[in-house]
Protein backbone atom coordinates (compact mmCIF):
# COMPACT_ATOMS: atom_id res chain seq x y z
CA MET A 1 105.33 131.94 141.56
CA ALA A 2 107.91 129.20 142.11
CA ALA A 3 105.17 126.62 142.68
CA ILE A 4 103.66 127.40 139.28
CA ALA A 5 107.06 127.06 137.61
CA ILE A 6 107.66 123.72 139.35
CA LEU A 7 104.21 122.49 138.29
CA ILE A 8 104.77 123.47 134.65
CA GLY A 9 108.23 121.90 134.69
CA GLY A 10 106.82 118.69 136.14
CA LEU A 11 104.12 118.54 133.48
CA LEU A 12 106.72 119.06 130.75
CA LEU A 13 108.93 116.31 132.13
CA ALA A 14 105.95 113.96 132.37
CA ALA A 15 105.03 114.68 128.74
CA ILE A 16 108.61 114.08 127.60
CA TYR A 17 108.77 110.81 129.55
CA TYR A 18 105.44 109.68 128.08
CA ASP A 19 106.58 110.41 124.51
CA ILE A 20 109.89 108.61 124.95
CA ALA A 21 108.15 105.61 126.52
CA ARG A 22 105.77 105.38 123.56
CA LEU A 23 108.64 105.60 121.08
CA VAL A 24 110.64 102.76 122.61
CA SER A 25 107.68 100.64 123.64
CA THR A 26 107.13 97.37 121.79
CA HIS A 27 103.59 97.08 123.11
CA GLN A 28 102.07 99.28 120.42
CA SER A 29 101.75 97.43 117.12
CA ARG A 30 102.65 99.02 113.81
CA CYS A 31 99.50 97.87 112.01
CA PRO A 32 96.18 99.55 112.75
CA PRO A 33 93.68 97.74 115.00
CA LEU A 34 91.20 97.08 112.20
CA ALA A 35 93.86 95.39 110.11
CA ARG A 36 94.47 92.91 112.91
CA VAL A 37 90.81 92.17 113.61
CA ARG A 38 89.28 91.94 110.15
CA GLY A 39 92.26 91.33 107.94
CA ARG A 40 94.42 93.45 105.72
CA ARG A 41 92.03 93.51 102.76
CA ALA A 42 89.17 94.95 104.82
CA ALA A 43 91.47 97.59 106.30
CA LEU A 44 92.64 98.59 102.82
CA GLU A 45 89.04 98.82 101.60
CA ASP A 46 88.16 101.07 104.54
CA GLU A 47 91.16 103.28 103.76
CA GLU A 48 90.08 103.51 100.12
CA ARG A 49 86.53 104.47 101.17
CA TRP A 50 87.93 107.17 103.46
CA CYS A 51 90.10 108.61 100.66
CA VAL A 52 87.15 108.60 98.26
CA GLY A 53 85.16 110.51 100.86
CA LEU A 54 87.91 113.12 101.07
CA LEU A 55 87.98 113.34 97.29
CA LEU A 56 84.22 113.79 97.04
CA HIS A 57 84.17 116.52 99.66
CA GLY A 58 86.96 118.46 97.96
CA ARG A 59 89.55 118.00 100.69
CA ILE A 60 92.01 116.41 98.27
CA ASP A 61 92.28 116.74 94.50
CA ASN A 62 92.70 114.04 91.91
CA THR A 63 95.54 115.56 89.93
CA PRO A 64 98.36 113.09 89.42
CA THR A 65 101.73 113.83 90.92
CA SER A 66 104.71 114.18 88.64
CA ASP A 67 107.25 111.39 88.66
CA ALA A 68 110.20 113.72 88.22
């Protein structure tokens, strides 16, 4: 029983360490990979195509938000 608790605790500590390392790491860039490879305009066009696909499949609606 104690071995299982130690294993679970170790896994939790490893997950916490991994998350903290990713937060403080400068290795991961803020811009998506496609934006770096093909340019910002192509990445924005891909994002627009993806949003249109969501709109066409009814996953988002096209009602404007209020600017209150």
